[in-house]
Amino acid sequence: MNPYDFANMSEEERHKTLLEMSDEDIDYSDIPELDEEFFKNAKRIKQLKPKVDSINIRSDILDWFKSHAQEKKYEDLINDVLESYINNQKKC
């Protein structure tokens, strides 16, 4: 049995296993080595920090986002939708 079979572990088990894993235990076989050519074309992405603010959202809209946020927080889903809208408006 593979001790790193993460697909069959609970979130708590994965977290514990990753914390206990040494660098030598990491399987890099499916990851290409990063060489100078990679770094010539690499671009640093500025990480935007969220600004804490308060807005009024109708309860039915907020409930929809909360019910549709599966893998992420509903606040992140709202940000994704707003960002998509802005990007589409820029194309017009």
N, C-alpha and C. Protein backbone atom coordinates (compact mmCIF):
# COMPACT_ATOMS: atom_id res chain seq x y z
N MET A 1 0.84 -1.20 0.00
CA MET A 1 0.00 0.00 0.00
C MET A 1 0.88 1.25 0.00
N ASN A 2 0.51 2.21 -0.82
CA ASN A 2 1.24 3.47 -0.93
C ASN A 2 0.90 4.35 0.29
N PRO A 3 1.90 4.71 1.10
CA PRO A 3 1.60 5.55 2.27
C PRO A 3 1.18 6.97 1.90
N TYR A 4 1.36 7.33 0.62
CA TYR A 4 0.99 8.67 0.17
C TYR A 4 -0.17 8.63 -0.82
N ASP A 5 -1.11 7.74 -0.59
CA ASP A 5 -2.30 7.62 -1.42
C ASP A 5 -3.32 8.64 -0.94
N PHE A 6 -3.08 9.90 -1.30
CA PHE A 6 -3.87 11.01 -0.78
C PHE A 6 -5.33 10.96 -1.19
N ALA A 7 -5.62 10.33 -2.32
CA ALA A 7 -7.00 10.28 -2.79
C ALA A 7 -7.91 9.53 -1.82
N ASN A 8 -7.33 8.61 -1.08
CA ASN A 8 -8.14 7.81 -0.15
C ASN A 8 -7.97 8.24 1.30
N MET A 9 -7.49 9.45 1.52
CA MET A 9 -7.29 9.96 2.88
C MET A 9 -8.28 11.08 3.17
N SER A 10 -8.59 11.21 4.44
CA SER A 10 -9.40 12.36 4.85
C SER A 10 -8.51 13.60 4.80
N GLU A 11 -9.12 14.76 4.88
CA GLU A 11 -8.35 16.00 4.86
C GLU A 11 -7.37 16.04 6.03
N GLU A 12 -7.82 15.59 7.19
CA GLU A 12 -6.95 15.58 8.37
C GLU A 12 -5.76 14.64 8.18
N GLU A 13 -6.01 13.47 7.58
CA GLU A 13 -4.92 12.51 7.33
C GLU A 13 -3.91 13.08 6.33
N ARG A 14 -4.42 13.72 5.27
CA ARG A 14 -3.52 14.33 4.27
C ARG A 14 -2.65 15.39 4.92
N HIS A 15 -3.27 16.24 5.72
CA HIS A 15 -2.55 17.32 6.39
C HIS A 15 -1.45 16.75 7.29
N LYS A 16 -1.78 15.76 8.09
CA LYS A 16 -0.81 15.14 8.99
C LYS A 16 0.32 14.49 8.20
N THR A 17 -0.02 13.77 7.13
CA THR A 17 0.99 13.09 6.31
C THR A 17 1.93 14.10 5.66
N LEU A 18 1.37 15.18 5.12
CA LEU A 18 2.21 16.19 4.48
C LEU A 18 3.14 16.87 5.47
N LEU A 19 2.65 17.14 6.67
CA LEU A 19 3.50 17.77 7.69
C LEU A 19 4.66 16.86 8.09
N GLU A 20 4.42 15.56 8.10
CA GLU A 20 5.45 14.60 8.51
C GLU A 20 6.37 14.18 7.37
N MET A 21 6.01 14.50 6.13
CA MET A 21 6.78 14.06 4.96
C MET A 21 8.09 14.84 4.86
N SER A 22 9.16 14.12 4.55
CA SER A 22 10.45 14.79 4.34
C SER A 22 10.59 15.17 2.87
N ASP A 23 11.52 16.03 2.55
CA ASP A 23 11.75 16.43 1.16
C ASP A 23 12.11 15.23 0.29
N GLU A 24 12.82 14.27 0.85
CA GLU A 24 13.22 13.08 0.10
C GLU A 24 12.03 12.21 -0.28
N ASP A 25 10.93 12.33 0.45
CA ASP A 25 9.74 11.52 0.18
C ASP A 25 8.89 12.08 -0.97
N ILE A 26 9.17 13.27 -1.42
CA ILE A 26 8.37 13.90 -2.47
C ILE A 26 8.75 13.31 -3.82
N ASP A 27 7.74 12.89 -4.59
CA ASP A 27 7.94 12.31 -5.91
C ASP A 27 7.89 13.42 -6.95
N TYR A 28 9.03 13.72 -7.54
CA TYR A 28 9.13 14.77 -8.56
C TYR A 28 9.13 14.21 -9.98
N SER A 29 8.87 12.93 -10.14
CA SER A 29 9.04 12.28 -11.44
C SER A 29 8.14 12.86 -12.53
N ASP A 30 7.00 13.42 -12.17
CA ASP A 30 6.10 13.97 -13.19
C ASP A 30 6.20 15.49 -13.31
N ILE A 31 7.24 16.06 -12.71
CA ILE A 31 7.43 17.51 -12.75
C ILE A 31 8.74 17.81 -13.47
N PRO A 32 8.69 18.60 -14.56
CA PRO A 32 9.95 18.92 -15.25
C PRO A 32 10.85 19.79 -14.37
N GLU A 33 12.15 19.57 -14.51
CA GLU A 33 13.10 20.37 -13.75
C GLU A 33 13.09 21.80 -14.29
N LEU A 34 13.17 22.76 -13.41
CA LEU A 34 13.16 24.16 -13.82
C LEU A 34 14.59 24.59 -14.12
N ASP A 35 14.82 24.93 -15.39
CA ASP A 35 16.17 25.33 -15.81
C ASP A 35 16.20 26.83 -16.09
N GLU A 36 17.35 27.31 -16.57
CA GLU A 36 17.49 28.75 -16.84
C GLU A 36 16.51 29.23 -17.90
N GLU A 37 16.20 28.39 -18.88
CA GLU A 37 15.25 28.76 -19.93
C GLU A 37 13.88 29.07 -19.33
N PHE A 38 13.48 28.27 -18.37
CA PHE A 38 12.20 28.51 -17.71
C PHE A 38 12.19 29.88 -17.05
N PHE A 39 13.26 30.19 -16.32
CA PHE A 39 13.29 31.44 -15.56
C PHE A 39 13.48 32.66 -16.45
N LYS A 40 14.00 32.48 -17.68
CA LYS A 40 14.09 33.60 -18.63
C LYS A 40 12.71 34.11 -19.00
N ASN A 41 11.75 33.19 -19.09
CA ASN A 41 10.39 33.54 -19.52
C ASN A 41 9.41 33.67 -18.36
N ALA A 42 9.86 33.37 -17.16
CA ALA A 42 8.95 33.42 -16.00
C ALA A 42 8.61 34.87 -15.67
N LYS A 43 7.39 35.05 -15.21
CA LYS A 43 6.94 36.38 -14.81
C LYS A 43 6.40 36.30 -13.39
N ARG A 44 6.81 37.24 -12.58
CA ARG A 44 6.31 37.30 -11.21
C ARG A 44 4.90 37.88 -11.25
N ILE A 45 4.02 37.23 -10.55
CA ILE A 45 2.63 37.68 -10.48
C ILE A 45 2.43 38.39 -9.15
N LYS A 46 1.95 39.61 -9.23
CA LYS A 46 1.70 40.38 -8.01
C LYS A 46 0.47 39.81 -7.32
N GLN A 47 0.65 39.41 -6.09
CA GLN A 47 -0.47 38.88 -5.32
C GLN A 47 -1.24 40.04 -4.71
N LEU A 48 -2.48 40.17 -5.12
CA LEU A 48 -3.31 41.24 -4.59
C LEU A 48 -3.91 40.83 -3.26
N LYS A 49 -3.76 41.69 -2.28
CA LYS A 49 -4.35 41.41 -0.97
C LYS A 49 -5.79 41.89 -0.99
N PRO A 50 -6.69 41.07 -0.43
CA PRO A 50 -8.08 41.51 -0.40
C PRO A 50 -8.24 42.74 0.50
N LYS A 51 -9.07 43.64 0.05
CA LYS A 51 -9.39 44.82 0.85
C LYS A 51 -10.68 44.52 1.59
N VAL A 52 -10.63 44.70 2.87
CA VAL A 52 -11.82 44.45 3.68
C VAL A 52 -12.73 45.67 3.58
N ASP A 53 -13.95 45.42 3.17
CA ASP A 53 -14.92 46.50 3.01
C ASP A 53 -16.29 45.91 3.29
N SER A 54 -17.27 46.73 3.27
CA SER A 54 -18.62 46.28 3.53
C SER A 54 -19.52 46.77 2.41
N ILE A 55 -20.30 45.85 1.83
CA ILE A 55 -21.28 46.24 0.82
C ILE A 55 -22.61 45.58 1.16
N ASN A 56 -23.66 46.17 0.67
CA ASN A 56 -24.99 45.61 0.87
C ASN A 56 -25.33 44.70 -0.30
N ILE A 57 -25.66 43.47 0.01
CA ILE A 57 -26.06 42.49 -1.01
C ILE A 57 -27.42 41.94 -0.59
N ARG A 58 -28.32 41.87 -1.54
CA ARG A 58 -29.64 41.31 -1.23
C ARG A 58 -29.48 39.90 -0.68
N SER A 59 -30.32 39.54 0.25
CA SER A 59 -30.20 38.24 0.91
C SER A 59 -30.36 37.07 -0.06
N ASP A 60 -31.24 37.20 -1.07
CA ASP A 60 -31.41 36.10 -2.03
C ASP A 60 -30.15 35.89 -2.87
N ILE A 61 -29.46 36.97 -3.20
CA ILE A 61 -28.22 36.86 -3.97
C ILE A 61 -27.13 36.24 -3.11
N LEU A 62 -27.01 36.70 -1.88
CA LEU A 62 -26.02 36.14 -0.97
C LEU A 62 -26.28 34.66 -0.73
N ASP A 63 -27.54 34.30 -0.55
CA ASP A 63 -27.90 32.89 -0.34
C ASP A 63 -27.51 32.05 -1.55
N TRP A 64 -27.70 32.60 -2.76
CA TRP A 64 -27.33 31.86 -3.97
C TRP A 64 -25.83 31.58 -3.98
N PHE A 65 -25.02 32.58 -3.71
CA PHE A 65 -23.57 32.38 -3.70
C PHE A 65 -23.16 31.37 -2.62
N LYS A 66 -23.76 31.47 -1.47
CA LYS A 66 -23.43 30.53 -0.39
C LYS A 66 -23.79 29.10 -0.79
N SER A 67 -24.90 28.93 -1.48
CA SER A 67 -25.33 27.58 -1.86
C SER A 67 -24.54 27.03 -3.05
N HIS A 68 -23.90 27.90 -3.84
CA HIS A 68 -23.14 27.46 -5.01
C HIS A 68 -21.64 27.40 -4.79
N ALA A 69 -21.18 27.84 -3.66
CA ALA A 69 -19.74 27.79 -3.35
C ALA A 69 -19.42 26.38 -2.87
N GLN A 70 -18.80 25.58 -3.74
CA GLN A 70 -18.51 24.19 -3.40
C GLN A 70 -17.11 24.03 -2.84
N GLU A 71 -16.11 24.28 -3.68
CA GLU A 71 -14.72 24.05 -3.32
C GLU A 71 -14.06 25.28 -2.70
N LYS A 72 -14.75 26.38 -2.68
CA LYS A 72 -14.16 27.62 -2.17
C LYS A 72 -15.16 28.36 -1.32
N LYS A 73 -14.69 29.40 -0.68
CA LYS A 73 -15.57 30.23 0.14
C LYS A 73 -16.48 31.05 -0.78
N TYR A 74 -17.66 31.36 -0.29
CA TYR A 74 -18.59 32.12 -1.11
C TYR A 74 -18.04 33.50 -1.46
N GLU A 75 -17.23 34.08 -0.57
CA GLU A 75 -16.63 35.39 -0.87
C GLU A 75 -15.71 35.29 -2.08
N ASP A 76 -14.97 34.18 -2.19
CA ASP A 76 -14.09 33.98 -3.34
C ASP A 76 -14.91 33.81 -4.62
N LEU A 77 -16.04 33.13 -4.52
CA LEU A 77 -16.91 32.95 -5.68
C LEU A 77 -17.45 34.31 -6.14
N ILE A 78 -17.85 35.15 -5.21
CA ILE A 78 -18.32 36.49 -5.56
C ILE A 78 -17.21 37.27 -6.26
N ASN A 79 -15.99 37.20 -5.73
CA ASN A 79 -14.85 37.87 -6.37
C ASN A 79 -14.61 37.34 -7.78
N ASP A 80 -14.70 36.02 -7.96
CA ASP A 80 -14.50 35.43 -9.29
C ASP A 80 -15.53 35.94 -10.29
N VAL A 81 -16.78 36.00 -9.86
CA VAL A 81 -17.85 36.47 -10.74
C VAL A 81 -17.64 37.94 -11.10
N LEU A 82 -17.29 38.75 -10.12
CA LEU A 82 -17.06 40.17 -10.39
C LEU A 82 -15.85 40.37 -11.30
N GLU A 83 -14.78 39.61 -11.07
CA GLU A 83 -13.59 39.71 -11.91
C GLU A 83 -13.91 39.31 -13.35
N SER A 84 -14.68 38.24 -13.52
CA SER A 84 -15.07 37.80 -14.86
C SER A 84 -15.90 38.89 -15.56
N TYR A 85 -16.81 39.50 -14.84
CA TYR A 85 -17.62 40.58 -15.40
C TYR A 85 -16.73 41.74 -15.86
N ILE A 86 -15.80 42.14 -15.00
CA ILE A 86 -14.89 43.25 -15.34
C ILE A 86 -14.07 42.92 -16.57
N ASN A 87 -13.52 41.71 -16.64
CA ASN A 87 -12.71 41.31 -17.79
C ASN A 87 -13.53 41.31 -19.08
N ASN A 88 -14.79 40.88 -19.00
CA ASN A 88 -15.65 40.91 -20.18
C ASN A 88 -15.98 42.34 -20.59
N GLN A 89 -16.16 43.23 -19.63
CA GLN A 89 -16.44 44.63 -19.94
C GLN A 89 -15.24 45.30 -20.61
N LYS A 90 -14.04 44.91 -20.23
CA LYS A 90 -12.83 45.48 -20.83
C LYS A 90 -12.72 45.12 -22.30
N LYS A 91 -13.30 43.97 -22.69
CA LYS A 91 -13.23 43.52 -24.09
C LYS A 91 -14.19 44.30 -24.98
N CYS A 92 -15.20 44.92 -24.37
CA CYS A 92 -16.22 45.64 -25.16
C CYS A 92 -15.71 46.98 -25.66
